[in-house]
Amino acid sequence: MQKTKTMDLQARKLKAIEYVVGIEDENILHEIELTILKRQKQPKTEKALKPFTQKQLIARAKQSTKDYLAGKVKTQEQVEKESENW
């Protein structure tokens, strides 16, 4: 299945390249360039996100337990009220 998706993606990329090469209209090419530049400036959240290591997860769980026992918690209602201002 993954190989098929990769092949489909490759075929779509080639079609896109063929389309761009054949463009005669300066305005259309300019729009494509603007779209590419806009996408390049967007943060790449998927690449920026890294999974936690087991050690990090354990440390977070221990800290969460300490916070809970110390009363450093918020109710669902408090969080919902805060999130209205985000």
N, C-alpha and C. Protein backbone atom coordinates (compact mmCIF):
# COMPACT_ATOMS: atom_id res chain seq x y z
N MET A 1 0.83 -1.20 0.00
CA MET A 1 0.00 0.00 0.00
C MET A 1 0.87 1.25 0.00
N GLN A 2 1.89 1.29 0.86
CA GLN A 2 2.76 2.46 0.94
C GLN A 2 3.47 2.71 -0.39
N LYS A 3 3.89 1.63 -1.06
CA LYS A 3 4.57 1.77 -2.33
C LYS A 3 3.64 2.40 -3.36
N THR A 4 2.37 2.01 -3.35
CA THR A 4 1.39 2.57 -4.27
C THR A 4 1.21 4.06 -4.02
N LYS A 5 1.11 4.45 -2.74
CA LYS A 5 0.97 5.87 -2.41
C LYS A 5 2.17 6.66 -2.88
N THR A 6 3.37 6.09 -2.70
CA THR A 6 4.59 6.76 -3.13
C THR A 6 4.59 6.94 -4.64
N MET A 7 4.17 5.90 -5.36
CA MET A 7 4.12 5.99 -6.81
C MET A 7 3.09 7.02 -7.26
N ASP A 8 1.93 7.05 -6.61
CA ASP A 8 0.91 8.04 -6.94
C ASP A 8 1.42 9.44 -6.69
N LEU A 9 2.11 9.63 -5.59
CA LEU A 9 2.67 10.95 -5.26
C LEU A 9 3.71 11.35 -6.30
N GLN A 10 4.56 10.43 -6.67
CA GLN A 10 5.59 10.72 -7.68
C GLN A 10 4.94 11.09 -9.01
N ALA A 11 3.91 10.36 -9.39
CA ALA A 11 3.22 10.65 -10.65
C ALA A 11 2.57 12.03 -10.60
N ARG A 12 1.98 12.36 -9.47
CA ARG A 12 1.35 13.68 -9.33
C ARG A 12 2.39 14.79 -9.40
N LYS A 13 3.55 14.56 -8.78
CA LYS A 13 4.62 15.56 -8.83
C LYS A 13 5.08 15.78 -10.27
N LEU A 14 5.25 14.69 -11.01
CA LEU A 14 5.68 14.82 -12.40
C LEU A 14 4.65 15.57 -13.23
N LYS A 15 3.36 15.29 -13.00
CA LYS A 15 2.31 16.01 -13.72
C LYS A 15 2.35 17.50 -13.38
N ALA A 16 2.58 17.80 -12.11
CA ALA A 16 2.66 19.21 -11.69
C ALA A 16 3.84 19.90 -12.37
N ILE A 17 4.97 19.22 -12.42
CA ILE A 17 6.14 19.80 -13.08
C ILE A 17 5.86 20.04 -14.55
N GLU A 18 5.24 19.07 -15.21
CA GLU A 18 4.89 19.22 -16.62
C GLU A 18 3.95 20.41 -16.82
N TYR A 19 3.01 20.56 -15.91
CA TYR A 19 2.07 21.68 -16.01
C TYR A 19 2.81 23.01 -15.87
N VAL A 20 3.69 23.11 -14.88
CA VAL A 20 4.41 24.36 -14.63
C VAL A 20 5.31 24.69 -15.82
N VAL A 21 5.97 23.69 -16.37
CA VAL A 21 6.85 23.92 -17.51
C VAL A 21 6.06 24.48 -18.70
N GLY A 22 4.82 24.05 -18.84
CA GLY A 22 4.01 24.49 -19.97
C GLY A 22 3.29 25.81 -19.78
N ILE A 23 3.43 26.42 -18.63
CA ILE A 23 2.71 27.68 -18.36
C ILE A 23 3.28 28.80 -19.22
N GLU A 24 2.40 29.50 -19.90
CA GLU A 24 2.78 30.65 -20.72
C GLU A 24 2.33 31.96 -20.07
N ASP A 25 1.37 31.87 -19.16
CA ASP A 25 0.79 33.05 -18.53
C ASP A 25 1.62 33.47 -17.32
N GLU A 26 2.18 34.67 -17.38
CA GLU A 26 3.02 35.20 -16.30
C GLU A 26 2.25 35.30 -14.98
N ASN A 27 0.98 35.67 -15.05
CA ASN A 27 0.18 35.82 -13.83
C ASN A 27 -0.01 34.49 -13.10
N ILE A 28 -0.25 33.43 -13.85
CA ILE A 28 -0.43 32.11 -13.23
C ILE A 28 0.87 31.66 -12.59
N LEU A 29 1.98 31.86 -13.29
CA LEU A 29 3.28 31.48 -12.73
C LEU A 29 3.58 32.28 -11.47
N HIS A 30 3.23 33.56 -11.49
CA HIS A 30 3.44 34.41 -10.32
C HIS A 30 2.61 33.90 -9.13
N GLU A 31 1.38 33.51 -9.37
CA GLU A 31 0.52 32.97 -8.30
C GLU A 31 1.11 31.70 -7.71
N ILE A 32 1.65 30.85 -8.57
CA ILE A 32 2.27 29.61 -8.09
C ILE A 32 3.48 29.93 -7.24
N GLU A 33 4.30 30.88 -7.69
CA GLU A 33 5.48 31.29 -6.93
C GLU A 33 5.08 31.84 -5.55
N LEU A 34 4.05 32.68 -5.52
CA LEU A 34 3.59 33.24 -4.24
C LEU A 34 3.11 32.15 -3.30
N THR A 35 2.39 31.18 -3.84
CA THR A 35 1.90 30.08 -3.02
C THR A 35 3.06 29.28 -2.45
N ILE A 36 4.06 29.00 -3.27
CA ILE A 36 5.24 28.26 -2.80
C ILE A 36 5.96 29.04 -1.70
N LEU A 37 6.17 30.33 -1.92
CA LEU A 37 6.85 31.15 -0.92
C LEU A 37 6.07 31.20 0.39
N LYS A 38 4.76 31.31 0.29
CA LYS A 38 3.90 31.34 1.48
C LYS A 38 4.03 30.03 2.26
N ARG A 39 4.01 28.91 1.55
CA ARG A 39 4.13 27.59 2.19
C ARG A 39 5.50 27.41 2.84
N GLN A 40 6.54 27.94 2.22
CA GLN A 40 7.89 27.81 2.76
C GLN A 40 8.05 28.60 4.05
N LYS A 41 7.31 29.68 4.20
CA LYS A 41 7.41 30.51 5.40
C LYS A 41 6.62 29.94 6.57
N GLN A 42 5.69 29.04 6.30
CA GLN A 42 4.89 28.45 7.37
C GLN A 42 5.76 27.50 8.19
N PRO A 43 5.55 27.50 9.52
CA PRO A 43 6.33 26.58 10.34
C PRO A 43 6.02 25.13 10.00
N LYS A 44 7.02 24.35 10.00
CA LYS A 44 6.85 22.93 9.69
C LYS A 44 6.66 22.17 10.99
N THR A 45 5.42 22.23 11.50
CA THR A 45 5.13 21.66 12.81
C THR A 45 5.39 20.17 12.86
N GLU A 46 5.08 19.48 11.78
CA GLU A 46 5.28 18.03 11.82
C GLU A 46 6.75 17.68 11.99
N LYS A 47 7.64 18.43 11.33
CA LYS A 47 9.06 18.17 11.47
C LYS A 47 9.58 18.69 12.80
N ALA A 48 8.98 19.77 13.31
CA ALA A 48 9.45 20.36 14.55
C ALA A 48 9.08 19.50 15.76
N LEU A 49 8.01 18.74 15.65
CA LEU A 49 7.57 17.90 16.76
C LEU A 49 8.39 16.62 16.81
N LYS A 50 8.87 16.31 18.00
CA LYS A 50 9.62 15.08 18.18
C LYS A 50 8.94 14.28 19.29
N PRO A 51 8.88 12.99 19.16
CA PRO A 51 8.28 12.19 20.23
C PRO A 51 9.14 12.25 21.48
N PHE A 52 8.49 12.15 22.64
CA PHE A 52 9.20 12.12 23.90
C PHE A 52 9.96 10.81 24.04
N THR A 53 11.09 10.89 24.72
CA THR A 53 11.79 9.66 25.06
C THR A 53 11.10 9.06 26.28
N GLN A 54 11.40 7.81 26.58
CA GLN A 54 10.82 7.16 27.75
C GLN A 54 11.22 7.93 29.02
N LYS A 55 12.45 8.37 29.08
CA LYS A 55 12.94 9.12 30.24
C LYS A 55 12.16 10.43 30.41
N GLN A 56 11.90 11.12 29.31
CA GLN A 56 11.13 12.37 29.37
C GLN A 56 9.70 12.12 29.83
N LEU A 57 9.10 11.07 29.32
CA LEU A 57 7.71 10.75 29.71
C LEU A 57 7.62 10.44 31.20
N ILE A 58 8.57 9.68 31.70
CA ILE A 58 8.57 9.34 33.14
C ILE A 58 8.76 10.60 33.97
N ALA A 59 9.67 11.48 33.56
CA ALA A 59 9.90 12.73 34.29
C ALA A 59 8.64 13.59 34.29
N ARG A 60 7.95 13.66 33.16
CA ARG A 60 6.71 14.44 33.08
C ARG A 60 5.63 13.85 33.98
N ALA A 61 5.53 12.53 33.99
CA ALA A 61 4.53 11.87 34.83
C ALA A 61 4.82 12.14 36.31
N LYS A 62 6.08 12.06 36.70
CA LYS A 62 6.45 12.33 38.10
C LYS A 62 6.14 13.78 38.47
N GLN A 63 6.46 14.71 37.57
CA GLN A 63 6.18 16.12 37.84
C GLN A 63 4.67 16.36 37.93
N SER A 64 3.92 15.70 37.08
CA SER A 64 2.46 15.84 37.12
C SER A 64 1.89 15.34 38.43
N THR A 65 2.42 14.24 38.92
CA THR A 65 1.97 13.69 40.20
C THR A 65 2.29 14.67 41.33
N LYS A 66 3.49 15.24 41.32
CA LYS A 66 3.87 16.23 42.34
C LYS A 66 2.93 17.43 42.29
N ASP A 67 2.67 17.92 41.09
CA ASP A 67 1.78 19.07 40.92
C ASP A 67 0.38 18.75 41.44
N TYR A 68 -0.12 17.57 41.13
CA TYR A 68 -1.44 17.17 41.59
C TYR A 68 -1.50 17.11 43.11
N LEU A 69 -0.49 16.48 43.71
CA LEU A 69 -0.47 16.36 45.17
C LEU A 69 -0.30 17.71 45.85
N ALA A 70 0.34 18.65 45.17
CA ALA A 70 0.52 20.00 45.73
C ALA A 70 -0.69 20.90 45.45
N GLY A 71 -1.69 20.35 44.77
CA GLY A 71 -2.89 21.13 44.50
C GLY A 71 -2.77 22.04 43.29
N LYS A 72 -1.75 21.86 42.51
CA LYS A 72 -1.55 22.69 41.31
C LYS A 72 -2.36 22.10 40.15
N VAL A 73 -3.67 22.23 40.26
CA VAL A 73 -4.58 21.70 39.25
C VAL A 73 -5.63 22.74 38.91
N LYS A 74 -6.29 22.56 37.77
CA LYS A 74 -7.39 23.44 37.36
C LYS A 74 -8.56 22.55 36.97
N THR A 75 -9.74 23.06 37.19
CA THR A 75 -10.94 22.32 36.79
C THR A 75 -11.14 22.48 35.28
N GLN A 76 -11.97 21.62 34.73
CA GLN A 76 -12.30 21.71 33.31
C GLN A 76 -12.90 23.08 33.00
N GLU A 77 -13.74 23.56 33.90
CA GLU A 77 -14.40 24.86 33.70
C GLU A 77 -13.36 25.99 33.66
N GLN A 78 -12.36 25.93 34.55
CA GLN A 78 -11.33 26.96 34.56
C GLN A 78 -10.55 26.97 33.24
N VAL A 79 -10.21 25.81 32.76
CA VAL A 79 -9.46 25.72 31.51
C VAL A 79 -10.30 26.22 30.34
N GLU A 80 -11.58 25.87 30.33
CA GLU A 80 -12.47 26.33 29.26
C GLU A 80 -12.59 27.84 29.29
N LYS A 81 -12.70 28.43 30.46
CA LYS A 81 -12.81 29.89 30.58
C LYS A 81 -11.53 30.56 30.08
N GLU A 82 -10.36 30.01 30.47
CA GLU A 82 -9.09 30.55 30.01
C GLU A 82 -8.96 30.45 28.49
N SER A 83 -9.42 29.34 27.94
CA SER A 83 -9.25 29.12 26.50
C SER A 83 -10.09 30.04 25.66
N GLU A 84 -11.09 30.69 26.24
CA GLU A 84 -11.90 31.65 25.50
C GLU A 84 -11.07 32.84 25.03
N ASN A 85 -9.96 33.12 25.71
CA ASN A 85 -9.12 34.25 25.39
C ASN A 85 -7.93 33.89 24.50
N TRP A 86 -7.84 32.67 24.06
CA TRP A 86 -6.70 32.25 23.23
C TRP A 86 -6.87 32.72 21.82
